[in-house]
Amino acid sequence: MKIVEAIALEKKYDMGDITVNALQGVDFSVNGGEFVAIMGPSGSGKSTLLHILGGLDTPNQGTVSLAQNNLAKLQDQALTLCRRKNIGFVFQFFNLLPTLTAEENILLPLMIDGKDLRPYREWLDTLLAMVGLIDRRYHRPDQLSGGEQQRVALARALITKPSILLADEPTGNLDSKTGTVIMELMRRSCDELGQTIVMVTHDSRASAYADRVVFLKDGKVHSEKSFDRSNEFTDRLRTVIQMIEVLEL
């Protein structure tokens, strides 16, 4: 089943006397349990597409369906509730509240939604164990490393069991070793939890963890490559690098 589907997306930005065509007729869809990476050069429309998929921006033309909701037909409050229910976000910068502990930051989406936290305690423990932060649950962000903070952000994105996880350069602010840990956790969330993921990245190593890599160029889908889950990581990475070179991205 398709979790998100975008049809004929057009997005333009007026920059003074210049009009930037960020997206030009983009069709894009993701099935449940699929991990998709979006790659492309700066200005190719990667982040614009992700923001439109997440209801953070609106297209000039085209439609987006998220968990069977047509985003264009939702009023502001309904759109906010749709995002809160169906989407988990992970960004390059961790966006943790400094006065809250790791556990409290993870639970924050539930608290904002007025949820009773008691039914989520076992799920919280499961996520803390998965991201390796059981013994750091009561530490504040300034007591955590960058990698630990991103693991908190990932657990926070998963706490509501969203229909889809949207990640914008999740390893962009991390060293390569720590970035690998985050990508392995995202891969595990897909394989073990059935989590659907769409990730924007410029990092070929990060994209090699995905089931499918979509390449954007000049606001259009240039090409894409799907992998079998049995493919070795090194083979995936080699293929991604070769495609980047061939497409001159």
C-alpha atoms as a PDB file:
ATOM      1  CA  MET A   1       0.000   0.000   0.000  1.00  0.00           C
ATOM      2  CA  LYS A   2       1.245   3.479  -0.850  1.00  0.00           C
ATOM      3  CA  ILE A   3       1.869   5.569   2.258  1.00  0.00           C
ATOM      4  CA  VAL A   4       2.607   8.748   0.358  1.00  0.00           C
ATOM      5  CA  GLU A   5       2.000   9.639  -3.283  1.00  0.00           C
ATOM      6  CA  ALA A   6       2.818  12.872  -5.093  1.00  0.00           C
ATOM      7  CA  ILE A   7       1.533  13.524  -8.599  1.00  0.00           C
ATOM      8  CA  ALA A   8       2.818  16.180 -11.020  1.00  0.00           C
ATOM      9  CA  LEU A   9       4.283  18.441  -8.339  1.00  0.00           C
ATOM     10  CA  GLU A  10       5.264  21.950  -9.419  1.00  0.00           C
ATOM     11  CA  LYS A  11       6.897  24.423  -7.055  1.00  0.00           C
ATOM     12  CA  LYS A  12       8.167  27.886  -7.946  1.00  0.00           C
ATOM     13  CA  TYR A  13       9.857  30.519  -5.805  1.00  0.00           C
ATOM     14  CA  ASP A  14      10.022  34.169  -6.796  1.00  0.00           C
ATOM     15  CA  MET A  15      13.465  35.560  -5.967  1.00  0.00           C
ATOM     16  CA  GLY A  16      13.101  39.195  -6.946  1.00  0.00           C
ATOM     17  CA  ASP A  17      13.187  39.313 -10.731  1.00  0.00           C
ATOM     18  CA  ILE A  18      14.051  35.616 -10.936  1.00  0.00           C
ATOM     19  CA  THR A  19      11.652  32.667 -10.718  1.00  0.00           C
ATOM     20  CA  VAL A  20      13.202  29.438  -9.443  1.00  0.00           C
ATOM     21  CA  ASN A  21      11.512  26.243 -10.610  1.00  0.00           C
ATOM     22  CA  ALA A  22      12.271  24.047  -7.603  1.00  0.00           C
ATOM     23  CA  LEU A  23      10.076  21.144  -8.766  1.00  0.00           C
ATOM     24  CA  GLN A  24       8.916  20.509 -12.313  1.00  0.00           C
ATOM     25  CA  GLY A  25       6.315  17.780 -12.730  1.00  0.00           C
ATOM     26  CA  VAL A  26       7.602  15.406 -10.061  1.00  0.00           C
ATOM     27  CA  ASP A  27       5.812  12.078  -9.529  1.00  0.00           C
ATOM     28  CA  PHE A  28       6.867  10.220  -6.397  1.00  0.00           C
ATOM     29  CA  SER A  29       5.422   7.469  -4.208  1.00  0.00           C
ATOM     30  CA  VAL A  30       6.520   5.252  -1.336  1.00  0.00           C
ATOM     31  CA  ASN A  31       5.092   1.909  -0.260  1.00  0.00           C
ATOM     32  CA  GLY A  32       4.613   0.824   3.323  1.00  0.00           C
ATOM     33  CA  GLY A  33       7.812  -0.492   4.914  1.00  0.00           C
ATOM     34  CA  GLU A  34      10.007   0.945   2.153  1.00  0.00           C
ATOM     35  CA  PHE A  35      13.165   2.971   2.782  1.00  0.00           C
ATOM     36  CA  VAL A  36      13.721   5.560   0.030  1.00  0.00           C
ATOM     37  CA  ALA A  37      16.667   7.954  -0.278  1.00  0.00           C
ATOM     38  CA  ILE A  38      16.464  11.126  -2.368  1.00  0.00           C
ATOM     39  CA  MET A  39      19.730  12.419  -3.798  1.00  0.00           C
ATOM     40  CA  GLY A  40      20.748  15.262  -6.076  1.00  0.00           C
ATOM     41  CA  PRO A  41      22.964  18.342  -6.260  1.00  0.00           C
ATOM     42  CA  SER A  42      22.303  21.509  -4.292  1.00  0.00           C
ATOM     43  CA  GLY A  43      19.209  23.214  -5.683  1.00  0.00           C
ATOM     44  CA  SER A  44      17.826  20.044  -7.263  1.00  0.00           C
ATOM     45  CA  GLY A  45      14.626  20.213  -5.207  1.00  0.00           C
ATOM     46  CA  LYS A  46      15.384  17.494  -2.616  1.00  0.00           C
ATOM     47  CA  SER A  47      14.388  19.397   0.510  1.00  0.00           C
ATOM     48  CA  THR A  48      11.498  21.126  -1.269  1.00  0.00           C
ATOM     49  CA  LEU A  49      10.059  17.733  -2.161  1.00  0.00           C
ATOM     50  CA  LEU A  50      10.503  16.442   1.390  1.00  0.00           C
ATOM     51  CA  HIS A  51       8.828  19.515   2.881  1.00  0.00           C
ATOM     52  CA  ILE A  52       5.858  19.191   0.529  1.00  0.00           C
ATOM     53  CA  LEU A  53       5.519  15.484   1.323  1.00  0.00           C
ATOM     54  CA  GLY A  54       5.460  16.402   5.007  1.00  0.00           C
ATOM     55  CA  GLY A  55       2.894  19.172   4.617  1.00  0.00           C
ATOM     56  CA  LEU A  56       5.423  21.826   5.624  1.00  0.00           C
ATOM     57  CA  ASP A  57       5.142  23.506   2.226  1.00  0.00           C
ATOM     58  CA  THR A  58       2.530  23.526  -0.521  1.00  0.00           C
ATOM     59  CA  PRO A  59       3.000  22.962  -4.256  1.00  0.00           C
ATOM     60  CA  ASN A  60       1.872  25.451  -6.892  1.00  0.00           C
ATOM     61  CA  GLN A  61       0.404  22.522  -8.792  1.00  0.00           C
ATOM     62  CA  GLY A  62      -0.014  18.815  -8.215  1.00  0.00           C
ATOM     63  CA  THR A  63      -1.346  16.710  -5.355  1.00  0.00           C
ATOM     64  CA  VAL A  64       0.044  14.903  -2.332  1.00  0.00           C
ATOM     65  CA  SER A  65      -1.736  12.033  -0.616  1.00  0.00           C
ATOM     66  CA  LEU A  66      -0.440  11.021   2.813  1.00  0.00           C
ATOM     67  CA  ALA A  67      -1.953   7.994   4.538  1.00  0.00           C
ATOM     68  CA  GLN A  68      -5.006   8.409   2.281  1.00  0.00           C
ATOM     69  CA  ASN A  69      -5.359  12.113   3.143  1.00  0.00           C
ATOM     70  CA  ASN A  70      -5.279  14.663   0.315  1.00  0.00           C
ATOM     71  CA  LEU A  71      -3.145  17.362   1.958  1.00  0.00           C
ATOM     72  CA  ALA A  72      -4.481  20.103  -0.321  1.00  0.00           C
ATOM     73  CA  LYS A  73      -7.988  19.596   1.041  1.00  0.00           C
ATOM     74  CA  LEU A  74      -7.016  19.919   4.715  1.00  0.00           C
ATOM     75  CA  GLN A  75      -7.413  23.170   6.636  1.00  0.00           C
ATOM     76  CA  ASP A  76      -4.519  24.310   8.821  1.00  0.00           C
ATOM     77  CA  GLN A  77      -5.664  22.581  12.007  1.00  0.00           C
ATOM     78  CA  ALA A  78      -6.531  19.342  10.218  1.00  0.00           C
ATOM     79  CA  LEU A  79      -3.179  19.433   8.416  1.00  0.00           C
ATOM     80  CA  THR A  80      -1.361  19.882  11.725  1.00  0.00           C
ATOM     81  CA  LEU A  81      -3.221  16.913  13.211  1.00  0.00           C
ATOM     82  CA  CYS A  82      -2.485  14.834  10.106  1.00  0.00           C
ATOM     83  CA  ARG A  83       1.235  15.594  10.398  1.00  0.00           C
ATOM     84  CA  ARG A  84       1.237  14.882  14.133  1.00  0.00           C
ATOM     85  CA  LYS A  85      -0.471  11.529  13.653  1.00  0.00           C
ATOM     86  CA  ASN A  86       1.277  10.280  10.539  1.00  0.00           C
ATOM     87  CA  ILE A  87       4.766  11.806  10.314  1.00  0.00           C
ATOM     88  CA  GLY A  88       7.942  11.573  12.328  1.00  0.00           C
ATOM     89  CA  PHE A  89      10.649  14.107  11.455  1.00  0.00           C
ATOM     90  CA  VAL A  90      14.427  13.818  11.827  1.00  0.00           C
ATOM     91  CA  PHE A  91      16.532  16.810  10.822  1.00  0.00           C
ATOM     92  CA  GLN A  92      20.234  17.545  10.476  1.00  0.00           C
ATOM     93  CA  PHE A  93      20.135  19.563  13.677  1.00  0.00           C
ATOM     94  CA  PHE A  94      18.685  17.636  16.569  1.00  0.00           C
ATOM     95  CA  ASN A  95      16.138  20.230  17.785  1.00  0.00           C
ATOM     96  CA  LEU A  96      16.004  18.853  21.327  1.00  0.00           C
ATOM     97  CA  LEU A  97      14.678  20.967  24.187  1.00  0.00           C
ATOM     98  CA  PRO A  98      17.689  21.676  26.428  1.00  0.00           C
ATOM     99  CA  THR A  99      15.776  21.601  29.713  1.00  0.00           C
ATOM    100  CA  LEU A 100      14.283  18.164  29.116  1.00  0.00           C
ATOM    101  CA  THR A 101      15.927  14.782  29.629  1.00  0.00           C
ATOM    102  CA  ALA A 102      16.425  12.337  26.764  1.00  0.00           C
ATOM    103  CA  GLU A 103      13.323  10.442  27.872  1.00  0.00           C
ATOM    104  CA  GLU A 104      11.237  13.617  28.108  1.00  0.00           C
ATOM    105  CA  ASN A 105      12.390  14.768  24.671  1.00  0.00           C
ATOM    106  CA  ILE A 106      11.354  11.416  23.208  1.00  0.00           C
ATOM    107  CA  LEU A 107       7.936  11.625  24.861  1.00  0.00           C
ATOM    108  CA  LEU A 108       7.400  15.257  23.853  1.00  0.00           C
ATOM    109  CA  PRO A 109       5.177  14.563  20.780  1.00  0.00           C
ATOM    110  CA  LEU A 110       2.848  12.521  22.991  1.00  0.00           C
ATOM    111  CA  MET A 111       2.764  15.217  25.656  1.00  0.00           C
ATOM    112  CA  ILE A 112       1.971  17.899  23.073  1.00  0.00           C
ATOM    113  CA  ASP A 113      -0.879  15.704  21.859  1.00  0.00           C
ATOM    114  CA  GLY A 114      -2.223  15.301  25.403  1.00  0.00           C
ATOM    115  CA  LYS A 115      -1.725  11.541  25.386  1.00  0.00           C
ATOM    116  CA  ASP A 116      -1.752   9.357  28.481  1.00  0.00           C
ATOM    117  CA  LEU A 117       1.906   8.292  28.658  1.00  0.00           C
ATOM    118  CA  ARG A 118       1.341   5.090  30.618  1.00  0.00           C
ATOM    119  CA  PRO A 119       0.439   2.892  27.609  1.00  0.00           C
ATOM    120  CA  TYR A 120       3.643   4.056  25.867  1.00  0.00           C
ATOM    121  CA  ARG A 121       6.106   3.113  28.637  1.00  0.00           C
ATOM    122  CA  GLU A 122       6.931  -0.306  27.204  1.00  0.00           C
ATOM    123  CA  TRP A 123       7.309   1.179  23.712  1.00  0.00           C
ATOM    124  CA  LEU A 124       9.573   3.896  25.154  1.00  0.00           C
ATOM    125  CA  ASP A 125      11.789   1.239  26.747  1.00  0.00           C
ATOM    126  CA  THR A 126      11.894  -0.652  23.438  1.00  0.00           C
ATOM    127  CA  LEU A 127      13.027   2.457  21.570  1.00  0.00           C
ATOM    128  CA  LEU A 128      15.592   3.416  24.216  1.00  0.00           C
ATOM    129  CA  ALA A 129      17.041  -0.083  23.999  1.00  0.00           C
ATOM    130  CA  MET A 130      17.077   0.004  20.194  1.00  0.00           C
ATOM    131  CA  VAL A 131      18.985   3.306  20.077  1.00  0.00           C
ATOM    132  CA  GLY A 132      21.267   2.266  22.952  1.00  0.00           C
ATOM    133  CA  LEU A 133      20.259   4.962  25.431  1.00  0.00           C
ATOM    134  CA  ILE A 134      18.768   3.024  28.349  1.00  0.00           C
ATOM    135  CA  ASP A 135      21.511   4.281  30.643  1.00  0.00           C
ATOM    136  CA  ARG A 136      21.282   7.858  29.292  1.00  0.00           C
ATOM    137  CA  ARG A 137      17.522   8.316  29.532  1.00  0.00           C
ATOM    138  CA  TYR A 138      17.726  10.908  32.325  1.00  0.00           C
ATOM    139  CA  HIS A 139      20.522  12.975  30.770  1.00  0.00           C
ATOM    140  CA  ARG A 140      19.843  16.384  29.239  1.00  0.00           C
ATOM    141  CA  PRO A 141      21.080  17.252  25.715  1.00  0.00           C
ATOM    142  CA  ASP A 142      24.155  19.100  26.999  1.00  0.00           C
ATOM    143  CA  GLN A 143      25.215  15.864  28.712  1.00  0.00           C
ATOM    144  CA  LEU A 144      24.956  13.863  25.479  1.00  0.00           C
ATOM    145  CA  SER A 145      27.233  13.610  22.455  1.00  0.00           C
ATOM    146  CA  GLY A 146      26.032  14.690  19.018  1.00  0.00           C
ATOM    147  CA  GLY A 147      25.411  11.095  18.030  1.00  0.00           C
ATOM    148  CA  GLU A 148      23.450  10.428  21.210  1.00  0.00           C
ATOM    149  CA  GLN A 149      21.347  13.528  20.602  1.00  0.00           C
ATOM    150  CA  GLN A 150      20.509  12.327  17.092  1.00  0.00           C
ATOM    151  CA  ARG A 151      19.561   8.935  18.520  1.00  0.00           C
ATOM    152  CA  VAL A 152      17.182  10.733  20.881  1.00  0.00           C
ATOM    153  CA  ALA A 153      15.758  12.637  17.896  1.00  0.00           C
ATOM    154  CA  LEU A 154      15.257   9.355  16.020  1.00  0.00           C
ATOM    155  CA  ALA A 155      13.470   7.741  18.977  1.00  0.00           C
ATOM    156  CA  ARG A 156      11.318  10.864  19.328  1.00  0.00           C
ATOM    157  CA  ALA A 157      10.327  10.577  15.660  1.00  0.00           C
ATOM    158  CA  LEU A 158       9.327   6.930  16.192  1.00  0.00           C
ATOM    159  CA  ILE A 159       7.484   7.248  19.525  1.00  0.00           C
ATOM    160  CA  THR A 160       4.106   7.949  17.884  1.00  0.00           C
ATOM    161  CA  LYS A 161       4.506   4.977  15.513  1.00  0.00           C
ATOM    162  CA  PRO A 162       4.112   7.270  12.499  1.00  0.00           C
ATOM    163  CA  SER A 163       2.973   6.159   9.069  1.00  0.00           C
ATOM    164  CA  ILE A 164       6.195   7.599   7.634  1.00  0.00           C
ATOM    165  CA  LEU A 165       9.517   8.936   8.885  1.00  0.00           C
ATOM    166  CA  LEU A 166      10.922  11.915   6.962  1.00  0.00           C
ATOM    167  CA  ALA A 167      14.633  12.563   7.451  1.00  0.00           C
ATOM    168  CA  ASP A 168      16.458  15.624   6.085  1.00  0.00           C
ATOM    169  CA  GLU A 169      20.242  15.053   6.023  1.00  0.00           C
ATOM    170  CA  PRO A 170      20.151  13.045   9.302  1.00  0.00           C
ATOM    171  CA  THR A 171      23.915  12.421   9.211  1.00  0.00           C
ATOM    172  CA  GLY A 172      24.897  15.881   7.940  1.00  0.00           C
ATOM    173  CA  ASN A 173      25.998  17.147  11.352  1.00  0.00           C
ATOM    174  CA  LEU A 174      27.806  13.965  12.415  1.00  0.00           C
ATOM    175  CA  ASP A 175      31.202  12.393  11.818  1.00  0.00           C
ATOM    176  CA  SER A 176      31.295   9.340   9.551  1.00  0.00           C
ATOM    177  CA  LYS A 177      31.445   6.760  12.358  1.00  0.00           C
ATOM    178  CA  THR A 178      28.512   8.279  14.234  1.00  0.00           C
ATOM    179  CA  GLY A 179      26.616   8.729  10.969  1.00  0.00           C
ATOM    180  CA  THR A 180      26.987   5.007  10.300  1.00  0.00           C
ATOM    181  CA  VAL A 181      25.414   4.243  13.687  1.00  0.00           C
ATOM    182  CA  ILE A 182      22.413   6.441  12.860  1.00  0.00           C
ATOM    183  CA  MET A 183      21.959   4.863   9.435  1.00  0.00           C
ATOM    184  CA  GLU A 184      22.150   1.360  10.882  1.00  0.00           C
ATOM    185  CA  LEU A 185      19.449   2.326  13.382  1.00  0.00           C
ATOM    186  CA  MET A 186      17.245   3.712  10.623  1.00  0.00           C
ATOM    187  CA  ARG A 187      17.745   0.509   8.643  1.00  0.00           C
ATOM    188  CA  ARG A 188      16.798  -1.526  11.713  1.00  0.00           C
ATOM    189  CA  SER A 189      13.650   0.527  12.254  1.00  0.00           C
ATOM    190  CA  CYS A 190      12.636  -0.342   8.705  1.00  0.00           C
ATOM    191  CA  ASP A 191      13.516  -4.046   8.936  1.00  0.00           C
ATOM    192  CA  GLU A 192      12.385  -4.762  12.502  1.00  0.00           C
ATOM    193  CA  LEU A 193       9.553  -2.263  13.005  1.00  0.00           C
ATOM    194  CA  GLY A 194       8.300  -2.043   9.424  1.00  0.00           C
ATOM    195  CA  GLN A 195       8.887   1.715   9.463  1.00  0.00           C
ATOM    196  CA  THR A 196       8.447   3.585   6.172  1.00  0.00           C
ATOM    197  CA  ILE A 197      11.255   6.115   5.595  1.00  0.00           C
ATOM    198  CA  VAL A 198      12.006   8.868   3.103  1.00  0.00           C
ATOM    199  CA  MET A 199      15.427  10.449   3.537  1.00  0.00           C
ATOM    200  CA  VAL A 200      17.088  13.356   1.753  1.00  0.00           C
ATOM    201  CA  THR A 201      20.866  13.053   1.723  1.00  0.00           C
ATOM    202  CA  HIS A 202      23.955  14.079  -0.214  1.00  0.00           C
ATOM    203  CA  ASP A 203      25.892  11.193   1.354  1.00  0.00           C
ATOM    204  CA  SER A 204      26.284   8.172  -0.919  1.00  0.00           C
ATOM    205  CA  ARG A 205      27.051   5.921   2.086  1.00  0.00           C
ATOM    206  CA  ALA A 206      23.816   6.951   3.776  1.00  0.00           C
ATOM    207  CA  SER A 207      21.779   6.341   0.628  1.00  0.00           C
ATOM    208  CA  ALA A 208      23.234   2.849   0.286  1.00  0.00           C
ATOM    209  CA  TYR A 209      21.169   1.796   3.310  1.00  0.00           C
ATOM    210  CA  ALA A 210      17.936   2.468   1.388  1.00  0.00           C
ATOM    211  CA  ASP A 211      15.817   0.081  -0.653  1.00  0.00           C
ATOM    212  CA  ARG A 212      15.493   2.637  -3.435  1.00  0.00           C
ATOM    213  CA  VAL A 213      17.467   5.738  -4.387  1.00  0.00           C
ATOM    214  CA  VAL A 214      15.730   8.506  -6.364  1.00  0.00           C
ATOM    215  CA  PHE A 215      17.974  11.016  -8.121  1.00  0.00           C
ATOM    216  CA  LEU A 216      16.694  14.566  -8.672  1.00  0.00           C
ATOM    217  CA  LYS A 217      18.233  17.080 -11.031  1.00  0.00           C
ATOM    218  CA  ASP A 218      16.923  20.542 -11.942  1.00  0.00           C
ATOM    219  CA  GLY A 219      13.660  19.898 -10.133  1.00  0.00           C
ATOM    220  CA  LYS A 220      12.901  16.664 -11.977  1.00  0.00           C
ATOM    221  CA  VAL A 221      13.241  12.962 -11.218  1.00  0.00           C
ATOM    222  CA  HIS A 222      16.261  12.082 -13.307  1.00  0.00           C
ATOM    223  CA  SER A 223      16.409   8.354 -12.529  1.00  0.00           C
ATOM    224  CA  GLU A 224      16.143   5.849  -9.705  1.00  0.00           C
ATOM    225  CA  LYS A 225      17.635   2.569  -8.591  1.00  0.00           C
ATOM    226  CA  SER A 226      16.042  -0.171  -6.478  1.00  0.00           C
ATOM    227  CA  PHE A 227      17.989  -2.720  -4.450  1.00  0.00           C
ATOM    228  CA  ASP A 228      17.114  -6.175  -3.243  1.00  0.00           C
ATOM    229  CA  ARG A 229      17.489  -6.364   0.525  1.00  0.00           C
ATOM    230  CA  SER A 230      19.901  -9.267   0.076  1.00  0.00           C
ATOM    231  CA  ASN A 231      22.357  -7.003  -1.809  1.00  0.00           C
ATOM    232  CA  GLU A 232      25.606  -6.441   0.066  1.00  0.00           C
ATOM    233  CA  PHE A 233      26.161  -2.922   1.370  1.00  0.00           C
ATOM    234  CA  THR A 234      29.397  -2.528  -0.582  1.00  0.00           C
ATOM    235  CA  ASP A 235      27.608  -3.435  -3.817  1.00  0.00           C
ATOM    236  CA  ARG A 236      24.855  -0.902  -3.085  1.00  0.00           C
ATOM    237  CA  LEU A 237      27.405   1.795  -2.326  1.00  0.00           C
ATOM    238  CA  ARG A 238      29.395   1.060  -5.478  1.00  0.00           C
ATOM    239  CA  THR A 239      26.211   1.301  -7.578  1.00  0.00           C
ATOM    240  CA  VAL A 240      25.161   4.612  -5.998  1.00  0.00           C
ATOM    241  CA  ILE A 241      28.603   6.133  -6.552  1.00  0.00           C
ATOM    242  CA  GLN A 242      28.633   4.974 -10.177  1.00  0.00           C
ATOM    243  CA  MET A 243      25.194   6.484 -10.802  1.00  0.00           C
ATOM    244  CA  ILE A 244      26.251   9.787  -9.258  1.00  0.00           C
ATOM    245  CA  GLU A 245      29.263   9.869 -11.547  1.00  0.00           C
ATOM    246  CA  VAL A 246      27.288   8.913 -14.664  1.00  0.00           C
ATOM    247  CA  LEU A 247      24.517  11.429 -13.931  1.00  0.00           C
ATOM    248  CA  GLU A 248      27.076  14.106 -12.997  1.00  0.00           C
ATOM    249  CA  LEU A 249      25.142  14.921  -9.835  1.00  0.00           C
END
